[in-house]
Amino acid sequence: LSEFGVTLPEGTRVRVWDSTAEVRYLVLP
Protein backbone atom coordinates (compact mmCIF):
# COMPACT_ATOMS: atom_id res chain seq x y z
CA LEU A 1 0.00 0.00 0.00
CA SER A 2 2.82 2.41 0.81
CA GLU A 3 4.26 1.82 -2.64
CA PHE A 4 0.89 2.88 -4.06
CA GLY A 5 1.05 6.01 -1.90
CA VAL A 6 -1.45 4.82 0.71
CA THR A 7 -0.51 5.23 4.37
CA LEU A 8 -3.12 4.08 6.86
CA PRO A 9 -3.48 5.04 10.53
CA GLU A 10 -1.81 2.58 12.89
CA GLY A 11 -5.17 1.52 14.30
CA THR A 12 -6.60 0.53 10.92
CA ARG A 13 -6.19 -3.16 10.18
CA VAL A 14 -5.72 -4.40 6.62
CA ARG A 15 -7.71 -7.36 5.35
CA VAL A 16 -6.67 -8.98 2.07
CA TRP A 17 -9.34 -10.76 0.02
CA ASP A 18 -8.30 -13.46 -2.45
CA SER A 19 -10.36 -13.18 -5.61
CA THR A 20 -11.14 -16.43 -7.44
CA ALA A 21 -13.39 -17.76 -10.20
CA GLU A 22 -15.93 -18.55 -7.46
CA VAL A 23 -15.98 -15.09 -5.88
CA ARG A 24 -14.75 -11.66 -6.97
CA TYR A 25 -14.51 -8.60 -4.77
CA LEU A 26 -15.17 -4.89 -5.12
CA VAL A 27 -13.98 -2.53 -2.40
CA LEU A 28 -16.41 0.16 -1.32
CA PRO A 29 -14.03 2.95 -0.27
PDB file of all heavy atoms in Angstrom:
ATOM      1  N   LEU A   1       0.823  -1.206   0.000  1.00  0.00           N
ATOM      2  CA  LEU A   1       0.000   0.000   0.000  1.00  0.00           C
ATOM      3  C   LEU A   1       0.860   1.260   0.000  1.00  0.00           C
ATOM      4  O   LEU A   1       0.559   2.235  -0.692  1.00  0.00           O
ATOM      5  CB  LEU A   1      -0.931   0.000   1.212  1.00  0.00           C
ATOM      6  CG  LEU A   1      -2.107  -0.978   1.155  1.00  0.00           C
ATOM      7  CD1 LEU A   1      -2.861  -0.991   2.483  1.00  0.00           C
ATOM      8  CD2 LEU A   1      -3.058  -0.610   0.025  1.00  0.00           C
ATOM      9  N   SER A   2       1.944   1.238   0.764  1.00  0.00           N
ATOM     10  CA  SER A   2       2.816   2.410   0.814  1.00  0.00           C
ATOM     11  C   SER A   2       3.442   2.698  -0.543  1.00  0.00           C
ATOM     12  O   SER A   2       3.660   3.853  -0.913  1.00  0.00           O
ATOM     13  CB  SER A   2       3.898   2.226   1.879  1.00  0.00           C
ATOM     14  OG  SER A   2       4.830   1.225   1.489  1.00  0.00           O
ATOM     15  N   GLU A   3       3.707   1.635  -1.309  1.00  0.00           N
ATOM     16  CA  GLU A   3       4.261   1.820  -2.643  1.00  0.00           C
ATOM     17  C   GLU A   3       3.232   2.416  -3.598  1.00  0.00           C
ATOM     18  O   GLU A   3       3.593   3.022  -4.610  1.00  0.00           O
ATOM     19  CB  GLU A   3       4.791   0.490  -3.167  1.00  0.00           C
ATOM     20  CG  GLU A   3       6.015   0.000  -2.401  1.00  0.00           C
ATOM     21  CD  GLU A   3       6.360  -1.450  -2.704  1.00  0.00           C
ATOM     22  OE1 GLU A   3       5.797  -2.012  -3.667  1.00  0.00           O
ATOM     23  OE2 GLU A   3       7.189  -2.013  -1.963  1.00  0.00           O
ATOM     24  N   PHE A   4       1.961   2.243  -3.288  1.00  0.00           N
ATOM     25  CA  PHE A   4       0.892   2.878  -4.056  1.00  0.00           C
ATOM     26  C   PHE A   4       0.571   4.271  -3.513  1.00  0.00           C
ATOM     27  O   PHE A   4      -0.347   4.929  -4.000  1.00  0.00           O
ATOM     28  CB  PHE A   4      -0.375   2.022  -4.021  1.00  0.00           C
ATOM     29  CG  PHE A   4      -0.380   0.888  -5.015  1.00  0.00           C
ATOM     30  CD1 PHE A   4       0.081  -0.365  -4.653  1.00  0.00           C
ATOM     31  CD2 PHE A   4      -0.850   1.074  -6.302  1.00  0.00           C
ATOM     32  CE1 PHE A   4       0.079  -1.420  -5.558  1.00  0.00           C
ATOM     33  CE2 PHE A   4      -0.863   0.032  -7.210  1.00  0.00           C
ATOM     34  CZ  PHE A   4      -0.394  -1.221  -6.845  1.00  0.00           C
ATOM     35  N   GLY A   5       1.280   4.687  -2.476  1.00  0.00           N
ATOM     36  CA  GLY A   5       1.054   6.006  -1.902  1.00  0.00           C
ATOM     37  C   GLY A   5      -0.027   6.047  -0.844  1.00  0.00           C
ATOM     38  O   GLY A   5      -0.531   7.119  -0.511  1.00  0.00           O
ATOM     39  N   VAL A   6      -0.394   4.890  -0.303  1.00  0.00           N
ATOM     40  CA  VAL A   6      -1.448   4.817   0.712  1.00  0.00           C
ATOM     41  C   VAL A   6      -0.822   4.514   2.063  1.00  0.00           C
ATOM     42  O   VAL A   6      -0.205   3.464   2.252  1.00  0.00           O
ATOM     43  CB  VAL A   6      -2.488   3.734   0.361  1.00  0.00           C
ATOM     44  CG1 VAL A   6      -3.527   3.623   1.478  1.00  0.00           C
ATOM     45  CG2 VAL A   6      -3.155   4.030  -0.965  1.00  0.00           C
ATOM     46  N   THR A   7      -0.976   5.430   3.000  1.00  0.00           N
ATOM     47  CA  THR A   7      -0.512   5.230   4.366  1.00  0.00           C
ATOM     48  C   THR A   7      -1.721   5.269   5.286  1.00  0.00           C
ATOM     49  O   THR A   7      -2.434   6.275   5.334  1.00  0.00           O
ATOM     50  CB  THR A   7       0.492   6.311   4.786  1.00  0.00           C
ATOM     51  OG1 THR A   7       1.606   6.301   3.871  1.00  0.00           O
ATOM     52  CG2 THR A   7       0.998   6.075   6.201  1.00  0.00           C
ATOM     53  N   LEU A   8      -1.944   4.196   6.005  1.00  0.00           N
ATOM     54  CA  LEU A   8      -3.116   4.082   6.862  1.00  0.00           C
ATOM     55  C   LEU A   8      -2.755   4.387   8.310  1.00  0.00           C
ATOM     56  O   LEU A   8      -1.613   4.201   8.733  1.00  0.00           O
ATOM     57  CB  LEU A   8      -3.689   2.667   6.781  1.00  0.00           C
ATOM     58  CG  LEU A   8      -4.138   2.195   5.392  1.00  0.00           C
ATOM     59  CD1 LEU A   8      -4.511   0.718   5.461  1.00  0.00           C
ATOM     60  CD2 LEU A   8      -5.315   3.021   4.900  1.00  0.00           C
ATOM     61  N   PRO A   9      -3.736   4.846   9.087  1.00  0.00           N
ATOM     62  CA  PRO A   9      -3.485   5.037  10.529  1.00  0.00           C
ATOM     63  C   PRO A   9      -3.081   3.713  11.176  1.00  0.00           C
ATOM     64  O   PRO A   9      -3.496   2.633  10.739  1.00  0.00           O
ATOM     65  CB  PRO A   9      -4.842   5.522  11.053  1.00  0.00           C
ATOM     66  CG  PRO A   9      -5.547   6.084   9.857  1.00  0.00           C
ATOM     67  CD  PRO A   9      -5.090   5.266   8.685  1.00  0.00           C
ATOM     68  N   GLU A  10      -2.299   3.787  12.213  1.00  0.00           N
ATOM     69  CA  GLU A  10      -1.812   2.583  12.890  1.00  0.00           C
ATOM     70  C   GLU A  10      -2.957   1.689  13.364  1.00  0.00           C
ATOM     71  O   GLU A  10      -2.855   0.466  13.373  1.00  0.00           O
ATOM     72  CB  GLU A  10      -0.937   2.972  14.079  1.00  0.00           C
ATOM     73  CG  GLU A  10       0.439   3.481  13.688  1.00  0.00           C
ATOM     74  CD  GLU A  10       1.279   2.414  13.017  1.00  0.00           C
ATOM     75  OE1 GLU A  10       1.138   1.228  13.372  1.00  0.00           O
ATOM     76  OE2 GLU A  10       2.076   2.761  12.126  1.00  0.00           O
ATOM     77  N   GLY A  11      -4.062   2.302  13.762  1.00  0.00           N
ATOM     78  CA  GLY A  11      -5.171   1.521  14.300  1.00  0.00           C
ATOM     79  C   GLY A  11      -6.049   0.871  13.253  1.00  0.00           C
ATOM     80  O   GLY A  11      -6.967   0.117  13.607  1.00  0.00           O
ATOM     81  N   THR A  12      -5.785   1.123  11.990  1.00  0.00           N
ATOM     82  CA  THR A  12      -6.596   0.532  10.920  1.00  0.00           C
ATOM     83  C   THR A  12      -5.961  -0.782  10.481  1.00  0.00           C
ATOM     84  O   THR A  12      -4.827  -0.812  10.029  1.00  0.00           O
ATOM     85  CB  THR A  12      -6.698   1.480   9.718  1.00  0.00           C
ATOM     86  OG1 THR A  12      -7.280   2.722  10.133  1.00  0.00           O
ATOM     87  CG2 THR A  12      -7.566   0.861   8.623  1.00  0.00           C
ATOM     88  N   ARG A  13      -6.705  -1.862  10.625  1.00  0.00           N
ATOM     89  CA  ARG A  13      -6.185  -3.155  10.178  1.00  0.00           C
ATOM     90  C   ARG A  13      -6.416  -3.302   8.671  1.00  0.00           C
ATOM     91  O   ARG A  13      -7.314  -2.689   8.092  1.00  0.00           O
ATOM     92  CB  ARG A  13      -6.849  -4.308  10.940  1.00  0.00           C
ATOM     93  CG  ARG A  13      -8.334  -4.460  10.706  1.00  0.00           C
ATOM     94  CD  ARG A  13      -8.905  -5.627  11.521  1.00  0.00           C
ATOM     95  NE  ARG A  13     -10.351  -5.739  11.357  1.00  0.00           N
ATOM     96  CZ  ARG A  13     -11.250  -5.104  12.100  1.00  0.00           C
ATOM     97  NH1 ARG A  13     -10.834  -4.295  13.079  1.00  0.00           N
ATOM     98  NH2 ARG A  13     -12.543  -5.255  11.892  1.00  0.00           N
ATOM     99  N   VAL A  14      -5.603  -4.138   8.059  1.00  0.00           N
ATOM    100  CA  VAL A  14      -5.718  -4.403   6.621  1.00  0.00           C
ATOM    101  C   VAL A  14      -6.178  -5.841   6.439  1.00  0.00           C
ATOM    102  O   VAL A  14      -5.562  -6.763   6.983  1.00  0.00           O
ATOM    103  CB  VAL A  14      -4.376  -4.181   5.888  1.00  0.00           C
ATOM    104  CG1 VAL A  14      -4.536  -4.494   4.406  1.00  0.00           C
ATOM    105  CG2 VAL A  14      -3.897  -2.746   6.081  1.00  0.00           C
ATOM    106  N   ARG A  15      -7.246  -6.005   5.680  1.00  0.00           N
ATOM    107  CA  ARG A  15      -7.710  -7.357   5.347  1.00  0.00           C
ATOM    108  C   ARG A  15      -7.562  -7.567   3.851  1.00  0.00           C
ATOM    109  O   ARG A  15      -8.024  -6.747   3.041  1.00  0.00           O
ATOM    110  CB  ARG A  15      -9.165  -7.570   5.758  1.00  0.00           C
ATOM    111  CG  ARG A  15      -9.654  -8.968   5.370  1.00  0.00           C
ATOM    112  CD  ARG A  15     -10.899  -9.391   6.084  1.00  0.00           C
ATOM    113  NE  ARG A  15     -11.260 -10.763   5.724  1.00  0.00           N
ATOM    114  CZ  ARG A  15     -12.318 -11.408   6.183  1.00  0.00           C
ATOM    115  NH1 ARG A  15     -13.128 -10.821   7.063  1.00  0.00           N
ATOM    116  NH2 ARG A  15     -12.583 -12.639   5.791  1.00  0.00           N
ATOM    117  N   VAL A  16      -6.904  -8.652   3.471  1.00  0.00           N
ATOM    118  CA  VAL A  16      -6.669  -8.979   2.067  1.00  0.00           C
ATOM    119  C   VAL A  16      -7.644 -10.070   1.650  1.00  0.00           C
ATOM    120  O   VAL A  16      -7.729 -11.127   2.292  1.00  0.00           O
ATOM    121  CB  VAL A  16      -5.212  -9.437   1.835  1.00  0.00           C
ATOM    122  CG1 VAL A  16      -4.990  -9.784   0.371  1.00  0.00           C
ATOM    123  CG2 VAL A  16      -4.240  -8.353   2.290  1.00  0.00           C
ATOM    124  N   TRP A  17      -8.365  -9.817   0.552  1.00  0.00           N
ATOM    125  CA  TRP A  17      -9.338 -10.760   0.024  1.00  0.00           C
ATOM    126  C   TRP A  17      -8.770 -11.391  -1.241  1.00  0.00           C
ATOM    127  O   TRP A  17      -8.301 -10.693  -2.136  1.00  0.00           O
ATOM    128  CB  TRP A  17     -10.648 -10.043  -0.291  1.00  0.00           C
ATOM    129  CG  TRP A  17     -11.275  -9.373   0.890  1.00  0.00           C
ATOM    130  CD1 TRP A  17     -10.984  -8.132   1.370  1.00  0.00           C
ATOM    131  CD2 TRP A  17     -12.291  -9.907   1.742  1.00  0.00           C
ATOM    132  NE1 TRP A  17     -11.745  -7.842   2.476  1.00  0.00           N
ATOM    133  CE2 TRP A  17     -12.568  -8.917   2.721  1.00  0.00           C
ATOM    134  CE3 TRP A  17     -12.990 -11.110   1.772  1.00  0.00           C
ATOM    135  CZ2 TRP A  17     -13.524  -9.111   3.714  1.00  0.00           C
ATOM    136  CZ3 TRP A  17     -13.948 -11.294   2.759  1.00  0.00           C
ATOM    137  CH2 TRP A  17     -14.207 -10.309   3.716  1.00  0.00           C
ATOM    138  N   ASP A  18      -8.856 -12.714  -1.311  1.00  0.00           N
ATOM    139  CA  ASP A  18      -8.303 -13.456  -2.445  1.00  0.00           C
ATOM    140  C   ASP A  18      -9.415 -13.736  -3.463  1.00  0.00           C
ATOM    141  O   ASP A  18     -10.299 -14.564  -3.237  1.00  0.00           O
ATOM    142  CB  ASP A  18      -7.676 -14.774  -1.958  1.00  0.00           C
ATOM    143  CG  ASP A  18      -6.811 -15.441  -3.018  1.00  0.00           C
ATOM    144  OD1 ASP A  18      -6.720 -14.907  -4.136  1.00  0.00           O
ATOM    145  OD2 ASP A  18      -6.220 -16.496  -2.710  1.00  0.00           O
ATOM    146  N   SER A  19      -9.366 -13.029  -4.567  1.00  0.00           N
ATOM    147  CA  SER A  19     -10.364 -13.184  -5.613  1.00  0.00           C
ATOM    148  C   SER A  19     -10.137 -14.490  -6.369  1.00  0.00           C
ATOM    149  O   SER A  19      -9.001 -14.869  -6.631  1.00  0.00           O
ATOM    150  CB  SER A  19     -10.282 -11.997  -6.579  1.00  0.00           C
ATOM    151  OG  SER A  19     -11.317 -12.029  -7.527  1.00  0.00           O
ATOM    152  N   THR A  20     -11.228 -15.173  -6.714  1.00  0.00           N
ATOM    153  CA  THR A  20     -11.144 -16.433  -7.440  1.00  0.00           C
ATOM    154  C   THR A  20     -12.251 -16.484  -8.486  1.00  0.00           C
ATOM    155  O   THR A  20     -13.061 -15.559  -8.606  1.00  0.00           O
ATOM    156  CB  THR A  20     -11.311 -17.642  -6.491  1.00  0.00           C
ATOM    157  OG1 THR A  20     -12.666 -17.657  -6.006  1.00  0.00           O
ATOM    158  CG2 THR A  20     -10.348 -17.577  -5.318  1.00  0.00           C
ATOM    159  N   ALA A  21     -12.312 -17.576  -9.232  1.00  0.00           N
ATOM    160  CA  ALA A  21     -13.391 -17.758 -10.198  1.00  0.00           C
ATOM    161  C   ALA A  21     -14.727 -17.930  -9.495  1.00  0.00           C
ATOM    162  O   ALA A  21     -15.785 -17.692 -10.089  1.00  0.00           O
ATOM    163  CB  ALA A  21     -13.105 -18.974 -11.080  1.00  0.00           C
ATOM    164  N   GLU A  22     -14.699 -18.344  -8.202  1.00  0.00           N
ATOM    165  CA  GLU A  22     -15.935 -18.553  -7.456  1.00  0.00           C
ATOM    166  C   GLU A  22     -16.443 -17.276  -6.802  1.00  0.00           C
ATOM    167  O   GLU A  22     -17.626 -17.151  -6.510  1.00  0.00           O
ATOM    168  CB  GLU A  22     -15.719 -19.614  -6.371  1.00  0.00           C
ATOM    169  CG  GLU A  22     -15.686 -21.042  -6.892  1.00  0.00           C
ATOM    170  CD  GLU A  22     -14.411 -21.348  -7.663  1.00  0.00           C
ATOM    171  OE1 GLU A  22     -13.345 -20.864  -7.237  1.00  0.00           O
ATOM    172  OE2 GLU A  22     -14.494 -22.057  -8.676  1.00  0.00           O
ATOM    173  N   VAL A  23     -15.556 -16.339  -6.516  1.00  0.00           N
ATOM    174  CA  VAL A  23     -15.978 -15.091  -5.884  1.00  0.00           C
ATOM    175  C   VAL A  23     -15.003 -13.979  -6.244  1.00  0.00           C
ATOM    176  O   VAL A  23     -13.786 -14.166  -6.197  1.00  0.00           O
ATOM    177  CB  VAL A  23     -16.091 -15.248  -4.343  1.00  0.00           C
ATOM    178  CG1 VAL A  23     -14.776 -15.690  -3.745  1.00  0.00           C
ATOM    179  CG2 VAL A  23     -16.591 -13.975  -3.695  1.00  0.00           C
ATOM    180  N   ARG A  24     -15.561 -12.841  -6.636  1.00  0.00           N
ATOM    181  CA  ARG A  24     -14.748 -11.664  -6.965  1.00  0.00           C
ATOM    182  C   ARG A  24     -15.182 -10.516  -6.059  1.00  0.00           C
ATOM    183  O   ARG A  24     -16.355 -10.428  -5.687  1.00  0.00           O
ATOM    184  CB  ARG A  24     -14.918 -11.282  -8.435  1.00  0.00           C
ATOM    185  CG  ARG A  24     -14.382 -12.339  -9.386  1.00  0.00           C
ATOM    186  CD  ARG A  24     -14.695 -11.994 -10.837  1.00  0.00           C
ATOM    187  NE  ARG A  24     -14.163 -12.994 -11.748  1.00  0.00           N
ATOM    188  CZ  ARG A  24     -14.776 -14.130 -12.060  1.00  0.00           C
ATOM    189  NH1 ARG A  24     -15.953 -14.399 -11.528  1.00  0.00           N
ATOM    190  NH2 ARG A  24     -14.226 -14.988 -12.886  1.00  0.00           N
ATOM    191  N   TYR A  25     -14.251  -9.637  -5.752  1.00  0.00           N
ATOM    192  CA  TYR A  25     -14.511  -8.603  -4.769  1.00  0.00           C
ATOM    193  C   TYR A  25     -14.420  -7.203  -5.378  1.00  0.00           C
ATOM    194  O   TYR A  25     -13.624  -6.942  -6.288  1.00  0.00           O
ATOM    195  CB  TYR A  25     -13.510  -8.701  -3.617  1.00  0.00           C
ATOM    196  CG  TYR A  25     -13.615  -9.989  -2.851  1.00  0.00           C
ATOM    197  CD1 TYR A  25     -12.798 -11.076  -3.166  1.00  0.00           C
ATOM    198  CD2 TYR A  25     -14.539 -10.133  -1.820  1.00  0.00           C
ATOM    199  CE1 TYR A  25     -12.895 -12.264  -2.476  1.00  0.00           C
ATOM    200  CE2 TYR A  25     -14.640 -11.336  -1.120  1.00  0.00           C
ATOM    201  CZ  TYR A  25     -13.818 -12.390  -1.457  1.00  0.00           C
ATOM    202  OH  TYR A  25     -13.912 -13.578  -0.778  1.00  0.00           O
ATOM    203  N   LEU A  26     -15.248  -6.325  -4.834  1.00  0.00           N
ATOM    204  CA  LEU A  26     -15.169  -4.891  -5.120  1.00  0.00           C
ATOM    205  C   LEU A  26     -15.091  -4.175  -3.785  1.00  0.00           C
ATOM    206  O   LEU A  26     -15.903  -4.428  -2.891  1.00  0.00           O
ATOM    207  CB  LEU A  26     -16.407  -4.414  -5.889  1.00  0.00           C
ATOM    208  CG  LEU A  26     -16.429  -2.911  -6.210  1.00  0.00           C
ATOM    209  CD1 LEU A  26     -15.516  -2.610  -7.407  1.00  0.00           C
ATOM    210  CD2 LEU A  26     -17.849  -2.443  -6.507  1.00  0.00           C
ATOM    211  N   VAL A  27     -14.115  -3.304  -3.632  1.00  0.00           N
ATOM    212  CA  VAL A  27     -13.975  -2.533  -2.401  1.00  0.00           C
ATOM    213  C   VAL A  27     -14.858  -1.289  -2.495  1.00  0.00           C
ATOM    214  O   VAL A  27     -14.826  -0.565  -3.493  1.00  0.00           O
ATOM    215  CB  VAL A  27     -12.510  -2.129  -2.166  1.00  0.00           C
ATOM    216  CG1 VAL A  27     -12.396  -1.190  -0.962  1.00  0.00           C
ATOM    217  CG2 VAL A  27     -11.638  -3.364  -1.959  1.00  0.00           C
ATOM    218  N   LEU A  28     -15.651  -1.075  -1.452  1.00  0.00           N
ATOM    219  CA  LEU A  28     -16.413   0.162  -1.320  1.00  0.00           C
ATOM    220  C   LEU A  28     -15.585   1.108  -0.456  1.00  0.00           C
ATOM    221  O   LEU A  28     -15.539   0.960   0.767  1.00  0.00           O
ATOM    222  CB  LEU A  28     -17.770  -0.118  -0.675  1.00  0.00           C
ATOM    223  CG  LEU A  28     -18.654   1.088  -0.360  1.00  0.00           C
ATOM    224  CD1 LEU A  28     -18.977   1.870  -1.630  1.00  0.00           C
ATOM    225  CD2 LEU A  28     -19.927   0.642   0.345  1.00  0.00           C
ATOM    226  N   PRO A  29     -14.900   2.070  -1.061  1.00  0.00           N
ATOM    227  CA  PRO A  29     -14.027   2.954  -0.270  1.00  0.00           C
ATOM    228  C   PRO A  29     -14.843   3.909   0.594  1.00  0.00           C
ATOM    229  O   PRO A  29     -16.040   4.106   0.377  1.00  0.00           O
ATOM    230  CB  PRO A  29     -13.230   3.711  -1.338  1.00  0.00           C
ATOM    231  CG  PRO A  29     -14.093   3.663  -2.561  1.00  0.00           C
ATOM    232  CD  PRO A  29     -14.861   2.388  -2.492  1.00  0.00           C
TER     233      PRO A  29
END
